[in-house]
Every structure is written in C-alpha cells, then in structure tokens.
Amino acid sequence: MPKRVISGTVIKKAGDKTATVLVERKVLHPRYHKTVKRFKKYLVHDEKNESNIGDTVSAIECRPLSKNKAFRLLEIVERGEG
C-alpha cells in the first residue's frame, strides 16, 4: 500500500524534533455547491530540527512514532518569512 504524502505549512514547533503542520484542502459543499476550506493539523517528525515556522513542507506517512505522530518530514518545499 503506498504511503500518503501531505504538504502544508509549519505553524508551531512542538517540542524537540516535532513540528505541527497545517494541511488545507478545498471541498465542494454538498448543499450549497460552494468551495469551502477544510483544515487539519498533523504532528510531523523532524529529525534534524531543520524546519521553521512559516515553511511549506511535505511529509510522508510512517509507522507510529508516538501517540499522535505518524508522519516524517520528507522535504522543505519553500522557506518561510522567518
């Protein structure tokens, strides 16, 4: 089974080697047929502590590393304003 790859923005550095990534997706509302934004936050394992707040990153699914952390940092797509 292929592993999921997510991309989003780092909004928080949560402790050592962990980043909180906000993933935004756009879906069509079932009744009003308008595009609405849906958000979800993921905890991503950042082994080298190389990401900063505001960076756009991509992460790949892996085995559970903690209770809430099941993604590893794949690459930093774009550096933020920091």
PDB file of N, CA and C in Angstrom:
ATOM      1  N   MET A   1       0.843  -1.182   0.000  1.00  0.00           N
ATOM      2  CA  MET A   1       0.000   0.000   0.000  1.00  0.00           C
ATOM      3  C   MET A   1       0.887   1.244   0.000  1.00  0.00           C
ATOM      4  N   PRO A   2       0.650   2.187  -0.896  1.00  0.00           N
ATOM      5  CA  PRO A   2       1.500   3.385  -0.951  1.00  0.00           C
ATOM      6  C   PRO A   2       1.297   4.270   0.267  1.00  0.00           C
ATOM      7  N   LYS A   3       2.353   4.944   0.635  1.00  0.00           N
ATOM      8  CA  LYS A   3       2.299   5.832   1.796  1.00  0.00           C
ATOM      9  C   LYS A   3       1.773   7.195   1.386  1.00  0.00           C
ATOM     10  N   ARG A   4       0.969   7.809   2.270  1.00  0.00           N
ATOM     11  CA  ARG A   4       0.409   9.122   1.979  1.00  0.00           C
ATOM     12  C   ARG A   4       1.471  10.193   2.105  1.00  0.00           C
ATOM     13  N   VAL A   5       1.408  11.161   1.235  1.00  0.00           N
ATOM     14  CA  VAL A   5       2.284  12.325   1.311  1.00  0.00           C
ATOM     15  C   VAL A   5       1.391  13.543   1.490  1.00  0.00           C
ATOM     16  N   ILE A   6       1.661  14.316   2.545  1.00  0.00           N
ATOM     17  CA  ILE A   6       0.890  15.530   2.802  1.00  0.00           C
ATOM     18  C   ILE A   6       1.807  16.729   2.639  1.00  0.00           C
ATOM     19  N   SER A   7       1.235  17.860   2.309  1.00  0.00           N
ATOM     20  CA  SER A   7       2.014  19.095   2.250  1.00  0.00           C
ATOM     21  C   SER A   7       1.209  20.191   2.923  1.00  0.00           C
ATOM     22  N   GLY A   8       1.912  21.004   3.690  1.00  0.00           N
ATOM     23  CA  GLY A   8       1.253  22.070   4.419  1.00  0.00           C
ATOM     24  C   GLY A   8       2.262  23.044   4.979  1.00  0.00           C
ATOM     25  N   THR A   9       1.791  23.888   5.883  1.00  0.00           N
ATOM     26  CA  THR A   9       2.607  24.949   6.457  1.00  0.00           C
ATOM     27  C   THR A   9       2.898  24.650   7.925  1.00  0.00           C
ATOM     28  N   VAL A  10       4.137  24.854   8.327  1.00  0.00           N
ATOM     29  CA  VAL A  10       4.510  24.671   9.728  1.00  0.00           C
ATOM     30  C   VAL A  10       3.944  25.850  10.522  1.00  0.00           C
ATOM     31  N   ILE A  11       3.118  25.553  11.521  1.00  0.00           N
ATOM     32  CA  ILE A  11       2.523  26.621  12.314  1.00  0.00           C
ATOM     33  C   ILE A  11       3.064  26.647  13.737  1.00  0.00           C
ATOM     34  N   LYS A  12       3.778  25.587  14.143  1.00  0.00           N
ATOM     35  CA  LYS A  12       4.264  25.519  15.517  1.00  0.00           C
ATOM     36  C   LYS A  12       5.403  24.514  15.593  1.00  0.00           C
ATOM     37  N   LYS A  13       6.405  24.842  16.383  1.00  0.00           N
ATOM     38  CA  LYS A  13       7.467  23.890  16.691  1.00  0.00           C
ATOM     39  C   LYS A  13       7.116  23.285  18.045  1.00  0.00           C
ATOM     40  N   ALA A  14       6.603  22.066  18.029  1.00  0.00           N
ATOM     41  CA  ALA A  14       6.053  21.440  19.236  1.00  0.00           C
ATOM     42  C   ALA A  14       7.099  20.539  19.878  1.00  0.00           C
ATOM     43  N   GLY A  15       7.958  21.120  20.696  1.00  0.00           N
ATOM     44  CA  GLY A  15       8.963  20.316  21.388  1.00  0.00           C
ATOM     45  C   GLY A  15      10.145  20.002  20.489  1.00  0.00           C
ATOM     46  N   ASP A  16      10.984  19.068  20.930  1.00  0.00           N
ATOM     47  CA  ASP A  16      12.194  18.708  20.209  1.00  0.00           C
ATOM     48  C   ASP A  16      11.860  17.719  19.095  1.00  0.00           C
ATOM     49  N   LYS A  17      12.320  17.992  17.877  1.00  0.00           N
ATOM     50  CA  LYS A  17      12.160  17.131  16.703  1.00  0.00           C
ATOM     51  C   LYS A  17      10.704  16.942  16.269  1.00  0.00           C
ATOM     52  N   THR A  18       9.840  17.888  16.592  1.00  0.00           N
ATOM     53  CA  THR A  18       8.434  17.791  16.210  1.00  0.00           C
ATOM     54  C   THR A  18       7.955  19.135  15.685  1.00  0.00           C
ATOM     55  N   ALA A  19       7.197  19.087  14.608  1.00  0.00           N
ATOM     56  CA  ALA A  19       6.596  20.291  14.035  1.00  0.00           C
ATOM     57  C   ALA A  19       5.116  20.023  13.802  1.00  0.00           C
ATOM     58  N   THR A  20       4.296  21.041  14.023  1.00  0.00           N
ATOM     59  CA  THR A  20       2.873  20.940  13.742  1.00  0.00           C
ATOM     60  C   THR A  20       2.634  21.543  12.359  1.00  0.00           C
ATOM     61  N   VAL A  21       2.036  20.744  11.469  1.00  0.00           N
ATOM     62  CA  VAL A  21       1.820  21.153  10.085  1.00  0.00           C
ATOM     63  C   VAL A  21       0.320  21.282   9.841  1.00  0.00           C
ATOM     64  N   LEU A  22      -0.087  22.430   9.297  1.00  0.00           N
ATOM     65  CA  LEU A  22      -1.481  22.683   8.962  1.00  0.00           C
ATOM     66  C   LEU A  22      -1.697  22.360   7.483  1.00  0.00           C
ATOM     67  N   VAL A  23      -2.585  21.410   7.217  1.00  0.00           N
ATOM     68  CA  VAL A  23      -2.884  20.990   5.854  1.00  0.00           C
ATOM     69  C   VAL A  23      -4.265  21.516   5.496  1.00  0.00           C
ATOM     70  N   GLU A  24      -4.339  22.227   4.380  1.00  0.00           N
ATOM     71  CA  GLU A  24      -5.588  22.831   3.922  1.00  0.00           C
ATOM     72  C   GLU A  24      -6.042  22.125   2.650  1.00  0.00           C
ATOM     73  N   ARG A  25      -7.333  21.780   2.590  1.00  0.00           N
ATOM     74  CA  ARG A  25      -7.887  21.206   1.378  1.00  0.00           C
ATOM     75  C   ARG A  25      -9.191  21.904   1.058  1.00  0.00           C
ATOM     76  N   LYS A  26      -9.542  21.920  -0.193  1.00  0.00           N
ATOM     77  CA  LYS A  26     -10.769  22.582  -0.627  1.00  0.00           C
ATOM     78  C   LYS A  26     -11.750  21.529  -1.112  1.00  0.00           C
ATOM     79  N   VAL A  27     -12.974  21.584  -0.578  1.00  0.00           N
ATOM     80  CA  VAL A  27     -14.010  20.623  -0.936  1.00  0.00           C
ATOM     81  C   VAL A  27     -15.265  21.380  -1.354  1.00  0.00           C
ATOM     82  N   LEU A  28     -16.085  20.724  -2.096  1.00  0.00           N
ATOM     83  CA  LEU A  28     -17.345  21.300  -2.531  1.00  0.00           C
ATOM     84  C   LEU A  28     -18.408  21.016  -1.478  1.00  0.00           C
ATOM     85  N   HIS A  29     -19.104  22.066  -1.030  1.00  0.00           N
ATOM     86  CA  HIS A  29     -20.165  21.899  -0.036  1.00  0.00           C
ATOM     87  C   HIS A  29     -21.316  21.114  -0.667  1.00  0.00           C
ATOM     88  N   PRO A  30     -21.835  20.094   0.028  1.00  0.00           N
ATOM     89  CA  PRO A  30     -22.844  19.234  -0.602  1.00  0.00           C
ATOM     90  C   PRO A  30     -24.161  19.938  -0.926  1.00  0.00           C
ATOM     91  N   ARG A  31     -24.562  20.893  -0.123  1.00  0.00           N
ATOM     92  CA  ARG A  31     -25.838  21.564  -0.371  1.00  0.00           C
ATOM     93  C   ARG A  31     -25.670  22.843  -1.180  1.00  0.00           C
ATOM     94  N   TYR A  32     -24.695  23.672  -0.786  1.00  0.00           N
ATOM     95  CA  TYR A  32     -24.587  24.997  -1.388  1.00  0.00           C
ATOM     96  C   TYR A  32     -23.682  25.042  -2.612  1.00  0.00           C
ATOM     97  N   HIS A  33     -22.996  23.958  -2.920  1.00  0.00           N
ATOM     98  CA  HIS A  33     -22.125  23.851  -4.094  1.00  0.00           C
ATOM     99  C   HIS A  33     -21.130  25.004  -4.179  1.00  0.00           C
ATOM    100  N   LYS A  34     -20.590  25.330  -3.026  1.00  0.00           N
ATOM    101  CA  LYS A  34     -19.563  26.366  -2.940  1.00  0.00           C
ATOM    102  C   LYS A  34     -18.290  25.697  -2.420  1.00  0.00           C
ATOM    103  N   THR A  35     -17.146  26.151  -2.893  1.00  0.00           N
ATOM    104  CA  THR A  35     -15.888  25.602  -2.426  1.00  0.00           C
ATOM    105  C   THR A  35     -15.578  26.153  -1.044  1.00  0.00           C
ATOM    106  N   VAL A  36     -15.366  25.247  -0.077  1.00  0.00           N
ATOM    107  CA  VAL A  36     -15.040  25.642   1.287  1.00  0.00           C
ATOM    108  C   VAL A  36     -13.710  25.014   1.683  1.00  0.00           C
ATOM    109  N   LYS A  37     -13.013  25.660   2.618  1.00  0.00           N
ATOM    110  CA  LYS A  37     -11.717  25.177   3.074  1.00  0.00           C
ATOM    111  C   LYS A  37     -11.902  24.281   4.283  1.00  0.00           C
ATOM    112  N   ARG A  38     -11.155  23.202   4.320  1.00  0.00           N
ATOM    113  CA  ARG A  38     -11.113  22.308   5.474  1.00  0.00           C
ATOM    114  C   ARG A  38      -9.660  22.225   5.930  1.00  0.00           C
ATOM    115  N   PHE A  39      -9.444  22.246   7.237  1.00  0.00           N
ATOM    116  CA  PHE A  39      -8.100  22.252   7.794  1.00  0.00           C
ATOM    117  C   PHE A  39      -7.903  21.051   8.713  1.00  0.00           C
ATOM    118  N   LYS A  40      -6.684  20.544   8.753  1.00  0.00           N
ATOM    119  CA  LYS A  40      -6.320  19.514   9.719  1.00  0.00           C
ATOM    120  C   LYS A  40      -4.860  19.715  10.095  1.00  0.00           C
ATOM    121  N   LYS A  41      -4.559  19.479  11.371  1.00  0.00           N
ATOM    122  CA  LYS A  41      -3.192  19.620  11.857  1.00  0.00           C
ATOM    123  C   LYS A  41      -2.587  18.238  12.073  1.00  0.00           C
ATOM    124  N   TYR A  42      -1.344  18.073  11.654  1.00  0.00           N
ATOM    125  CA  TYR A  42      -0.613  16.833  11.832  1.00  0.00           C
ATOM    126  C   TYR A  42       0.679  17.127  12.579  1.00  0.00           C
ATOM    127  N   LEU A  43       1.114  16.184  13.409  1.00  0.00           N
ATOM    128  CA  LEU A  43       2.428  16.265  14.030  1.00  0.00           C
ATOM    129  C   LEU A  43       3.402  15.519  13.133  1.00  0.00           C
ATOM    130  N   VAL A  44       4.515  16.182  12.799  1.00  0.00           N
ATOM    131  CA  VAL A  44       5.496  15.643  11.866  1.00  0.00           C
ATOM    132  C   VAL A  44       6.832  15.521  12.575  1.00  0.00           C
ATOM    133  N   HIS A  45       7.492  14.379  12.393  1.00  0.00           N
ATOM    134  CA  HIS A  45       8.800  14.144  12.995  1.00  0.00           C
ATOM    135  C   HIS A  45       9.879  14.815  12.147  1.00  0.00           C
ATOM    136  N   ASP A  46      10.598  15.743  12.758  1.00  0.00           N
ATOM    137  CA  ASP A  46      11.664  16.499  12.096  1.00  0.00           C
ATOM    138  C   ASP A  46      12.979  16.133  12.777  1.00  0.00           C
ATOM    139  N   GLU A  47      13.659  15.124  12.252  1.00  0.00           N
ATOM    140  CA  GLU A  47      14.830  14.540  12.919  1.00  0.00           C
ATOM    141  C   GLU A  47      15.951  15.555  13.155  1.00  0.00           C
ATOM    142  N   LYS A  48      16.206  16.441  12.191  1.00  0.00           N
ATOM    143  CA  LYS A  48      17.331  17.371  12.291  1.00  0.00           C
ATOM    144  C   LYS A  48      16.920  18.765  12.741  1.00  0.00           C
ATOM    145  N   ASN A  49      15.666  18.967  13.114  1.00  0.00           N
ATOM    146  CA  ASN A  49      15.150  20.278  13.535  1.00  0.00           C
ATOM    147  C   ASN A  49      15.457  21.353  12.495  1.00  0.00           C
ATOM    148  N   GLU A  50      15.197  21.043  11.234  1.00  0.00           N
ATOM    149  CA  GLU A  50      15.556  21.989  10.173  1.00  0.00           C
ATOM    150  C   GLU A  50      14.400  22.855   9.704  1.00  0.00           C
ATOM    151  N   SER A  51      13.168  22.542  10.094  1.00  0.00           N
ATOM    152  CA  SER A  51      12.032  23.361   9.670  1.00  0.00           C
ATOM    153  C   SER A  51      11.772  24.478  10.673  1.00  0.00           C
ATOM    154  N   ASN A  52      11.223  25.577  10.163  1.00  0.00           N
ATOM    155  CA  ASN A  52      10.871  26.719  11.000  1.00  0.00           C
ATOM    156  C   ASN A  52       9.424  27.101  10.742  1.00  0.00           C
ATOM    157  N   ILE A  53       8.891  27.948  11.608  1.00  0.00           N
ATOM    158  CA  ILE A  53       7.516  28.402  11.465  1.00  0.00           C
ATOM    159  C   ILE A  53       7.377  29.181  10.152  1.00  0.00           C
ATOM    160  N   GLY A  54       6.349  28.856   9.376  1.00  0.00           N
ATOM    161  CA  GLY A  54       6.104  29.518   8.116  1.00  0.00           C
ATOM    162  C   GLY A  54       6.596  28.753   6.900  1.00  0.00           C
ATOM    163  N   ASP A  55       7.389  27.700   7.112  1.00  0.00           N
ATOM    164  CA  ASP A  55       7.891  26.907   5.993  1.00  0.00           C
ATOM    165  C   ASP A  55       6.781  26.056   5.398  1.00  0.00           C
ATOM    166  N   THR A  56       6.832  25.865   4.100  1.00  0.00           N
ATOM    167  CA  THR A  56       5.951  24.913   3.432  1.00  0.00           C
ATOM    168  C   THR A  56       6.729  23.609   3.292  1.00  0.00           C
ATOM    169  N   VAL A  57       6.177  22.537   3.850  1.00  0.00           N
ATOM    170  CA  VAL A  57       6.890  21.264   3.892  1.00  0.00           C
ATOM    171  C   VAL A  57       6.010  20.161   3.324  1.00  0.00           C
ATOM    172  N   SER A  58       6.649  19.048   2.980  1.00  0.00           N
ATOM    173  CA  SER A  58       5.908  17.841   2.648  1.00  0.00           C
ATOM    174  C   SER A  58       6.398  16.743   3.578  1.00  0.00           C
ATOM    175  N   ALA A  59       5.459  15.867   3.958  1.00  0.00           N
ATOM    176  CA  ALA A  59       5.758  14.800   4.908  1.00  0.00           C
ATOM    177  C   ALA A  59       5.180  13.499   4.379  1.00  0.00           C
ATOM    178  N   ILE A  60       5.814  12.394   4.762  1.00  0.00           N
ATOM    179  CA  ILE A  60       5.381  11.076   4.310  1.00  0.00           C
ATOM    180  C   ILE A  60       4.961  10.248   5.511  1.00  0.00           C
ATOM    181  N   GLU A  61       3.964   9.410   5.292  1.00  0.00           N
ATOM    182  CA  GLU A  61       3.435   8.563   6.352  1.00  0.00           C
ATOM    183  C   GLU A  61       4.467   7.505   6.734  1.00  0.00           C
ATOM    184  N   CYS A  62       4.528   7.186   8.021  1.00  0.00           N
ATOM    185  CA  CYS A  62       5.443   6.164   8.513  1.00  0.00           C
ATOM    186  C   CYS A  62       4.768   5.420   9.662  1.00  0.00           C
ATOM    187  N   ARG A  63       5.520   4.549  10.301  1.00  0.00           N
ATOM    188  CA  ARG A  63       4.969   3.837  11.453  1.00  0.00           C
ATOM    189  C   ARG A  63       4.702   4.843  12.565  1.00  0.00           C
ATOM    190  N   PRO A  64       3.814   4.540  13.506  1.00  0.00           N
ATOM    191  CA  PRO A  64       3.552   5.488  14.599  1.00  0.00           C
ATOM    192  C   PRO A  64       4.809   5.707  15.445  1.00  0.00           C
ATOM    193  N   LEU A  65       5.193   6.972  15.580  1.00  0.00           N
ATOM    194  CA  LEU A  65       6.369   7.324  16.372  1.00  0.00           C
ATOM    195  C   LEU A  65       5.990   7.717  17.789  1.00  0.00           C
ATOM    196  N   SER A  66       4.749   8.122  17.978  1.00  0.00           N
ATOM    197  CA  SER A  66       4.209   8.414  19.306  1.00  0.00           C
ATOM    198  C   SER A  66       2.698   8.294  19.204  1.00  0.00           C
ATOM    199  N   LYS A  67       2.005   8.750  20.223  1.00  0.00           N
ATOM    200  CA  LYS A  67       0.550   8.624  20.229  1.00  0.00           C
ATOM    201  C   LYS A  67      -0.091   9.357  19.055  1.00  0.00           C
ATOM    202  N   ASN A  68       0.411  10.539  18.717  1.00  0.00           N
ATOM    203  CA  ASN A  68      -0.201  11.363  17.690  1.00  0.00           C
ATOM    204  C   ASN A  68       0.680  11.584  16.456  1.00  0.00           C
ATOM    205  N   LYS A  69       1.881  11.053  16.465  1.00  0.00           N
ATOM    206  CA  LYS A  69       2.842  11.370  15.404  1.00  0.00           C
ATOM    207  C   LYS A  69       3.068  10.160  14.505  1.00  0.00           C
ATOM    208  N   ALA A  70       2.661  10.283  13.226  1.00  0.00           N
ATOM    209  CA  ALA A  70       2.813   9.177  12.283  1.00  0.00           C
ATOM    210  C   ALA A  70       3.294   9.658  10.913  1.00  0.00           C
ATOM    211  N   PHE A  71       3.949  10.816  10.869  1.00  0.00           N
ATOM    212  CA  PHE A  71       4.495  11.352   9.620  1.00  0.00           C
ATOM    213  C   PHE A  71       5.936  11.789   9.859  1.00  0.00           C
ATOM    214  N   ARG A  72       6.781  11.605   8.826  1.00  0.00           N
ATOM    215  CA  ARG A  72       8.162  12.070   8.862  1.00  0.00           C
ATOM    216  C   ARG A  72       8.325  13.190   7.851  1.00  0.00           C
ATOM    217  N   LEU A  73       9.207  14.124   8.152  1.00  0.00           N
ATOM    218  CA  LEU A  73       9.495  15.224   7.234  1.00  0.00           C
ATOM    219  C   LEU A  73      10.193  14.671   6.003  1.00  0.00           C
ATOM    220  N   LEU A  74       9.643  14.958   4.825  1.00  0.00           N
ATOM    221  CA  LEU A  74      10.224  14.491   3.576  1.00  0.00           C
ATOM    222  C   LEU A  74      11.144  15.551   2.991  1.00  0.00           C
ATOM    223  N   GLU A  75      10.628  16.770   2.846  1.00  0.00           N
ATOM    224  CA  GLU A  75      11.448  17.862   2.335  1.00  0.00           C
ATOM    225  C   GLU A  75      10.805  19.191   2.690  1.00  0.00           C
ATOM    226  N   ILE A  76      11.627  20.226   2.671  1.00  0.00           N
ATOM    227  CA  ILE A  76      11.135  21.587   2.850  1.00  0.00           C
ATOM    228  C   ILE A  76      10.970  22.163   1.448  1.00  0.00           C
ATOM    229  N   VAL A  77       9.735  22.417   1.064  1.00  0.00           N
ATOM    230  CA  VAL A  77       9.445  22.876  -0.291  1.00  0.00           C
ATOM    231  C   VAL A  77       9.805  24.342  -0.450  1.00  0.00           C
ATOM    232  N   GLU A  78       9.439  25.151   0.553  1.00  0.00           N
ATOM    233  CA  GLU A  78       9.692  26.586   0.472  1.00  0.00           C
ATOM    234  C   GLU A  78       9.959  27.128   1.866  1.00  0.00           C
ATOM    235  N   ARG A  79      10.967  27.970   1.996  1.00  0.00           N
ATOM    236  CA  ARG A  79      11.268  28.601   3.272  1.00  0.00           C
ATOM    237  C   ARG A  79      10.288  29.726   3.533  1.00  0.00           C
ATOM    238  N   GLY A  80       9.962  29.920   4.826  1.00  0.00           N
ATOM    239  CA  GLY A  80       9.009  30.964   5.196  1.00  0.00           C
ATOM    240  C   GLY A  80       9.675  32.307   5.368  1.00  0.00           C
ATOM    241  N   GLU A  81       8.931  33.241   5.930  1.00  0.00           N
ATOM    242  CA  GLU A  81       9.411  34.609   6.125  1.00  0.00           C
ATOM    243  C   GLU A  81      10.359  34.747   7.296  1.00  0.00           C
ATOM    244  N   GLY A  82      10.534  33.685   8.078  1.00  0.00           N
ATOM    245  CA  GLY A  82      11.345  33.745   9.289  1.00  0.00           C
ATOM    246  C   GLY A  82      12.768  33.818   8.986  1.00  0.00           C
TER     247      GLY A  82
END
